[in-house]
Amino acid sequence: MSKDKEVMLNEDIRASEVRCMGDDGTQYGIISRKEALAQAETLGLDLVLIAPDAKPPVCKIMNYGKFKYQQEKKQKEAKKKQKVIEIKEIKLSAKIAQNDINYKIKHAREFLEEGKHVKFRVFLRGREISNPEAGEKVLESVWPLVEDIADRDKEPKLEGRYVNMLVTPKK
């Protein structure tokens, strides 16, 4: 159930007595539901159930449409401030030549300069899985080529058929 469906307004409120307060902080005290609805109607606002579990339930007289709009606006603003981390993956093999490593490092350096994280993966084929140190050795030879612009986030580690290492750009 979403948060919007949980909010009860006006006639949906079933409690016979409610503790009522105004949008400006005015306390109306414990009054009947009908009185609270009448008060909200005279002000041209909505009666919103805030604390349904309280004894008696707490209601607030407010402009619910405006309140909902402000909540959505806050959520959008919070979403704008989030930073999405992009992870680029560079795949290597256990039997890779040095010139191929240099070519892949060139791309990895470009990604790191753009502020992206880079995940180096060495795929172990067939019998190579029995010797994961070969994959770790490849990643250890890659690290000195990027350590001037990157920090090692995760050490080379065997995960399934891959040996992975994650590097992040230096601050």
C-alpha atoms as a PDB file:
ATOM      1  CA  MET A   1       0.000   0.000   0.000  1.00  0.00           C
ATOM      2  CA  SER A   2       1.453   3.393  -0.927  1.00  0.00           C
ATOM      3  CA  LYS A   3       1.677   6.314   1.479  1.00  0.00           C
ATOM      4  CA  ASP A   4      -1.042   8.269  -0.406  1.00  0.00           C
ATOM      5  CA  LYS A   5      -3.651   5.537   0.128  1.00  0.00           C
ATOM      6  CA  GLU A   6      -2.943   5.418   3.882  1.00  0.00           C
ATOM      7  CA  VAL A   7      -3.866   9.090   4.379  1.00  0.00           C
ATOM      8  CA  MET A   8      -7.509   9.524   5.366  1.00  0.00           C
ATOM      9  CA  LEU A   9      -9.337  12.746   4.543  1.00  0.00           C
ATOM     10  CA  ASN A  10     -12.638  14.350   5.554  1.00  0.00           C
ATOM     11  CA  GLU A  11     -15.518  11.802   5.442  1.00  0.00           C
ATOM     12  CA  ASP A  12     -13.151   8.805   5.302  1.00  0.00           C
ATOM     13  CA  ILE A  13     -12.286   9.378   8.976  1.00  0.00           C
ATOM     14  CA  ARG A  14     -14.419   6.978  11.044  1.00  0.00           C
ATOM     15  CA  ALA A  15     -13.534   7.946  14.638  1.00  0.00           C
ATOM     16  CA  SER A  16     -16.389   9.538  16.619  1.00  0.00           C
ATOM     17  CA  GLU A  17     -14.068  11.908  18.515  1.00  0.00           C
ATOM     18  CA  VAL A  18     -10.776  13.394  17.353  1.00  0.00           C
ATOM     19  CA  ARG A  19      -8.075  15.662  18.755  1.00  0.00           C
ATOM     20  CA  CYS A  20      -8.074  18.512  16.249  1.00  0.00           C
ATOM     21  CA  MET A  21      -5.480  21.164  15.448  1.00  0.00           C
ATOM     22  CA  GLY A  22      -5.260  23.862  12.829  1.00  0.00           C
ATOM     23  CA  ASP A  23      -2.698  24.446  10.099  1.00  0.00           C
ATOM     24  CA  ASP A  24      -1.442  27.514  11.977  1.00  0.00           C
ATOM     25  CA  GLY A  25      -0.972  25.532  15.222  1.00  0.00           C
ATOM     26  CA  THR A  26      -4.361  26.385  16.762  1.00  0.00           C
ATOM     27  CA  GLN A  27      -5.526  23.678  19.177  1.00  0.00           C
ATOM     28  CA  TYR A  28      -9.246  22.880  18.939  1.00  0.00           C
ATOM     29  CA  GLY A  29      -8.996  20.145  21.565  1.00  0.00           C
ATOM     30  CA  ILE A  30     -11.002  16.902  21.582  1.00  0.00           C
ATOM     31  CA  ILE A  31     -14.124  17.443  19.499  1.00  0.00           C
ATOM     32  CA  SER A  32     -16.554  15.256  17.576  1.00  0.00           C
ATOM     33  CA  ARG A  33     -15.757  14.324  13.981  1.00  0.00           C
ATOM     34  CA  LYS A  34     -18.756  16.346  12.752  1.00  0.00           C
ATOM     35  CA  GLU A  35     -17.526  19.493  14.524  1.00  0.00           C
ATOM     36  CA  ALA A  36     -14.025  19.003  13.077  1.00  0.00           C
ATOM     37  CA  LEU A  37     -15.441  18.552   9.568  1.00  0.00           C
ATOM     38  CA  ALA A  38     -17.602  21.655   9.993  1.00  0.00           C
ATOM     39  CA  GLN A  39     -14.584  23.665  11.195  1.00  0.00           C
ATOM     40  CA  ALA A  40     -12.517  22.488   8.214  1.00  0.00           C
ATOM     41  CA  GLU A  41     -15.348  23.336   5.825  1.00  0.00           C
ATOM     42  CA  THR A  42     -15.725  26.872   7.218  1.00  0.00           C
ATOM     43  CA  LEU A  43     -11.987  27.439   6.677  1.00  0.00           C
ATOM     44  CA  GLY A  44     -12.185  25.881   3.197  1.00  0.00           C
ATOM     45  CA  LEU A  45      -9.564  23.264   4.072  1.00  0.00           C
ATOM     46  CA  ASP A  46      -9.350  19.480   4.509  1.00  0.00           C
ATOM     47  CA  LEU A  47      -9.473  17.414   7.687  1.00  0.00           C
ATOM     48  CA  VAL A  48      -6.481  15.050   7.520  1.00  0.00           C
ATOM     49  CA  LEU A  49      -5.930  12.111   9.877  1.00  0.00           C
ATOM     50  CA  ILE A  50      -2.332  12.345  11.108  1.00  0.00           C
ATOM     51  CA  ALA A  51      -2.097   9.827  13.966  1.00  0.00           C
ATOM     52  CA  PRO A  52      -4.799   7.141  13.602  1.00  0.00           C
ATOM     53  CA  ASP A  53      -3.398   4.979  16.437  1.00  0.00           C
ATOM     54  CA  ALA A  54      -3.557   7.711  19.096  1.00  0.00           C
ATOM     55  CA  LYS A  55      -6.364   7.813  21.675  1.00  0.00           C
ATOM     56  CA  PRO A  56      -8.291   9.788  20.427  1.00  0.00           C
ATOM     57  CA  PRO A  57      -6.970   9.960  16.811  1.00  0.00           C
ATOM     58  CA  VAL A  58      -5.197  13.213  15.884  1.00  0.00           C
ATOM     59  CA  CYS A  59      -6.457  15.236  12.917  1.00  0.00           C
ATOM     60  CA  LYS A  60      -5.125  18.394  11.342  1.00  0.00           C
ATOM     61  CA  ILE A  61      -7.041  20.988   9.345  1.00  0.00           C
ATOM     62  CA  MET A  62      -4.859  21.843   6.328  1.00  0.00           C
ATOM     63  CA  ASN A  63      -4.824  22.321   2.570  1.00  0.00           C
ATOM     64  CA  TYR A  64      -4.008  18.719   1.638  1.00  0.00           C
ATOM     65  CA  GLY A  65      -3.405  19.464  -2.060  1.00  0.00           C
ATOM     66  CA  LYS A  66      -0.782  22.085  -1.204  1.00  0.00           C
ATOM     67  CA  PHE A  67       0.805  19.764   1.391  1.00  0.00           C
ATOM     68  CA  LYS A  68       1.045  16.900  -1.116  1.00  0.00           C
ATOM     69  CA  TYR A  69       2.533  19.235  -3.757  1.00  0.00           C
ATOM     70  CA  GLN A  70       5.227  20.426  -1.324  1.00  0.00           C
ATOM     71  CA  GLN A  71       6.094  16.824  -0.398  1.00  0.00           C
ATOM     72  CA  GLU A  72       6.519  15.889  -4.068  1.00  0.00           C
ATOM     73  CA  LYS A  73       8.631  19.000  -4.633  1.00  0.00           C
ATOM     74  CA  LYS A  74      10.931  18.013  -1.730  1.00  0.00           C
ATOM     75  CA  GLN A  75      11.309  14.496  -3.132  1.00  0.00           C
ATOM     76  CA  LYS A  76      12.233  15.822  -6.594  1.00  0.00           C
ATOM     77  CA  GLU A  77      14.766  18.213  -5.047  1.00  0.00           C
ATOM     78  CA  ALA A  78      16.343  15.368  -3.056  1.00  0.00           C
ATOM     79  CA  LYS A  79      16.518  13.258  -6.223  1.00  0.00           C
ATOM     80  CA  LYS A  80      18.339  16.053  -8.082  1.00  0.00           C
ATOM     81  CA  LYS A  81      21.036  16.207  -5.418  1.00  0.00           C
ATOM     82  CA  GLN A  82      21.758  12.474  -5.613  1.00  0.00           C
ATOM     83  CA  LYS A  83      24.939  11.521  -7.410  1.00  0.00           C
ATOM     84  CA  VAL A  84      24.746   8.419  -9.567  1.00  0.00           C
ATOM     85  CA  ILE A  85      27.934   6.387  -9.532  1.00  0.00           C
ATOM     86  CA  GLU A  86      28.680   4.815 -12.881  1.00  0.00           C
ATOM     87  CA  ILE A  87      30.843   1.690 -12.937  1.00  0.00           C
ATOM     88  CA  LYS A  88      32.645   0.803 -16.145  1.00  0.00           C
ATOM     89  CA  GLU A  89      33.865  -2.745 -16.594  1.00  0.00           C
ATOM     90  CA  ILE A  90      37.141  -3.734 -18.276  1.00  0.00           C
ATOM     91  CA  LYS A  91      37.364  -7.432 -19.107  1.00  0.00           C
ATOM     92  CA  LEU A  92      40.726  -9.138 -19.270  1.00  0.00           C
ATOM     93  CA  SER A  93      41.865 -12.738 -19.621  1.00  0.00           C
ATOM     94  CA  ALA A  94      44.490 -14.670 -17.697  1.00  0.00           C
ATOM     95  CA  LYS A  95      46.670 -15.021 -20.831  1.00  0.00           C
ATOM     96  CA  ILE A  96      46.539 -11.400 -22.048  1.00  0.00           C
ATOM     97  CA  ALA A  97      49.463  -9.790 -23.851  1.00  0.00           C
ATOM     98  CA  GLN A  98      51.066  -6.602 -22.525  1.00  0.00           C
ATOM     99  CA  ASN A  99      50.057  -4.492 -25.563  1.00  0.00           C
ATOM    100  CA  ASP A 100      46.418  -5.532 -25.011  1.00  0.00           C
ATOM    101  CA  ILE A 101      46.696  -4.525 -21.349  1.00  0.00           C
ATOM    102  CA  ASN A 102      48.087  -1.121 -22.383  1.00  0.00           C
ATOM    103  CA  TYR A 103      45.173  -0.595 -24.795  1.00  0.00           C
ATOM    104  CA  LYS A 104      42.593  -1.439 -22.121  1.00  0.00           C
ATOM    105  CA  ILE A 105      44.402   0.722 -19.540  1.00  0.00           C
ATOM    106  CA  LYS A 106      44.127   3.696 -21.927  1.00  0.00           C
ATOM    107  CA  HIS A 107      40.319   3.355 -21.829  1.00  0.00           C
ATOM    108  CA  ALA A 108      40.300   2.790 -18.064  1.00  0.00           C
ATOM    109  CA  ARG A 109      42.289   6.006 -17.541  1.00  0.00           C
ATOM    110  CA  GLU A 110      39.747   7.931 -19.666  1.00  0.00           C
ATOM    111  CA  PHE A 111      36.887   6.571 -17.516  1.00  0.00           C
ATOM    112  CA  LEU A 112      38.716   7.457 -14.292  1.00  0.00           C
ATOM    113  CA  GLU A 113      39.392  11.015 -15.537  1.00  0.00           C
ATOM    114  CA  GLU A 114      35.634  11.368 -16.204  1.00  0.00           C
ATOM    115  CA  GLY A 115      35.027  10.438 -12.542  1.00  0.00           C
ATOM    116  CA  LYS A 116      33.680   6.946 -13.190  1.00  0.00           C
ATOM    117  CA  HIS A 117      34.578   3.843 -11.178  1.00  0.00           C
ATOM    118  CA  VAL A 118      36.320   1.043 -13.070  1.00  0.00           C
ATOM    119  CA  LYS A 119      35.949  -2.662 -12.376  1.00  0.00           C
ATOM    120  CA  PHE A 120      38.677  -4.875 -13.805  1.00  0.00           C
ATOM    121  CA  ARG A 121      37.553  -8.470 -14.373  1.00  0.00           C
ATOM    122  CA  VAL A 122      39.690 -11.433 -15.354  1.00  0.00           C
ATOM    123  CA  PHE A 123      37.549 -14.293 -16.677  1.00  0.00           C
ATOM    124  CA  LEU A 124      38.957 -17.744 -15.888  1.00  0.00           C
ATOM    125  CA  ARG A 125      38.200 -20.252 -18.647  1.00  0.00           C
ATOM    126  CA  GLY A 126      38.292 -24.033 -18.321  1.00  0.00           C
ATOM    127  CA  ARG A 127      41.249 -25.207 -16.296  1.00  0.00           C
ATOM    128  CA  GLU A 128      42.299 -21.642 -15.430  1.00  0.00           C
ATOM    129  CA  ILE A 129      39.774 -21.764 -12.577  1.00  0.00           C
ATOM    130  CA  SER A 130      42.100 -24.144 -10.719  1.00  0.00           C
ATOM    131  CA  ASN A 131      44.775 -21.407 -10.778  1.00  0.00           C
ATOM    132  CA  PRO A 132      43.088 -18.099  -9.779  1.00  0.00           C
ATOM    133  CA  GLU A 133      46.502 -16.676  -8.849  1.00  0.00           C
ATOM    134  CA  ALA A 134      47.066 -16.117 -12.587  1.00  0.00           C
ATOM    135  CA  GLY A 135      44.095 -13.737 -12.667  1.00  0.00           C
ATOM    136  CA  GLU A 136      45.303 -11.957  -9.543  1.00  0.00           C
ATOM    137  CA  LYS A 137      48.755 -11.642 -11.132  1.00  0.00           C
ATOM    138  CA  VAL A 138      47.228  -9.920 -14.194  1.00  0.00           C
ATOM    139  CA  LEU A 139      45.345  -7.462 -11.965  1.00  0.00           C
ATOM    140  CA  GLU A 140      48.480  -6.796  -9.900  1.00  0.00           C
ATOM    141  CA  SER A 141      50.289  -5.911 -13.157  1.00  0.00           C
ATOM    142  CA  VAL A 142      47.424  -3.549 -14.106  1.00  0.00           C
ATOM    143  CA  TRP A 143      47.395  -1.667 -10.786  1.00  0.00           C
ATOM    144  CA  PRO A 144      50.750   0.209 -11.190  1.00  0.00           C
ATOM    145  CA  LEU A 145      49.520   1.586 -14.550  1.00  0.00           C
ATOM    146  CA  VAL A 146      46.521   3.362 -12.952  1.00  0.00           C
ATOM    147  CA  GLU A 147      47.604   3.992  -9.343  1.00  0.00           C
ATOM    148  CA  ASP A 148      48.660   7.602 -10.070  1.00  0.00           C
ATOM    149  CA  ILE A 149      45.035   8.633 -10.839  1.00  0.00           C
ATOM    150  CA  ALA A 150      43.065   5.991  -8.894  1.00  0.00           C
ATOM    151  CA  ASP A 151      42.542   4.473  -5.466  1.00  0.00           C
ATOM    152  CA  ARG A 152      42.062   0.738  -5.082  1.00  0.00           C
ATOM    153  CA  ASP A 153      38.606   0.209  -3.588  1.00  0.00           C
ATOM    154  CA  LYS A 154      38.653  -3.608  -3.596  1.00  0.00           C
ATOM    155  CA  GLU A 155      41.689  -5.850  -3.708  1.00  0.00           C
ATOM    156  CA  PRO A 156      41.769  -8.566  -6.425  1.00  0.00           C
ATOM    157  CA  LYS A 157      39.388 -11.275  -5.252  1.00  0.00           C
ATOM    158  CA  LEU A 158      37.977 -14.464  -6.764  1.00  0.00           C
ATOM    159  CA  GLU A 159      34.200 -14.273  -7.247  1.00  0.00           C
ATOM    160  CA  GLY A 160      32.821 -17.251  -9.149  1.00  0.00           C
ATOM    161  CA  ARG A 161      34.725 -17.566 -12.451  1.00  0.00           C
ATOM    162  CA  TYR A 162      36.006 -13.974 -12.250  1.00  0.00           C
ATOM    163  CA  VAL A 163      38.826 -12.291 -10.374  1.00  0.00           C
ATOM    164  CA  ASN A 164      37.622  -8.719  -9.717  1.00  0.00           C
ATOM    165  CA  MET A 165      39.286  -5.479  -8.660  1.00  0.00           C
ATOM    166  CA  LEU A 166      37.492  -2.138  -8.265  1.00  0.00           C
ATOM    167  CA  VAL A 167      39.305   1.185  -8.592  1.00  0.00           C
ATOM    168  CA  THR A 168      37.883   4.662  -7.982  1.00  0.00           C
ATOM    169  CA  PRO A 169      39.178   8.043  -9.132  1.00  0.00           C
ATOM    170  CA  LYS A 170      41.307   9.971  -6.644  1.00  0.00           C
ATOM    171  CA  LYS A 171      39.558  12.884  -4.977  1.00  0.00           C
END
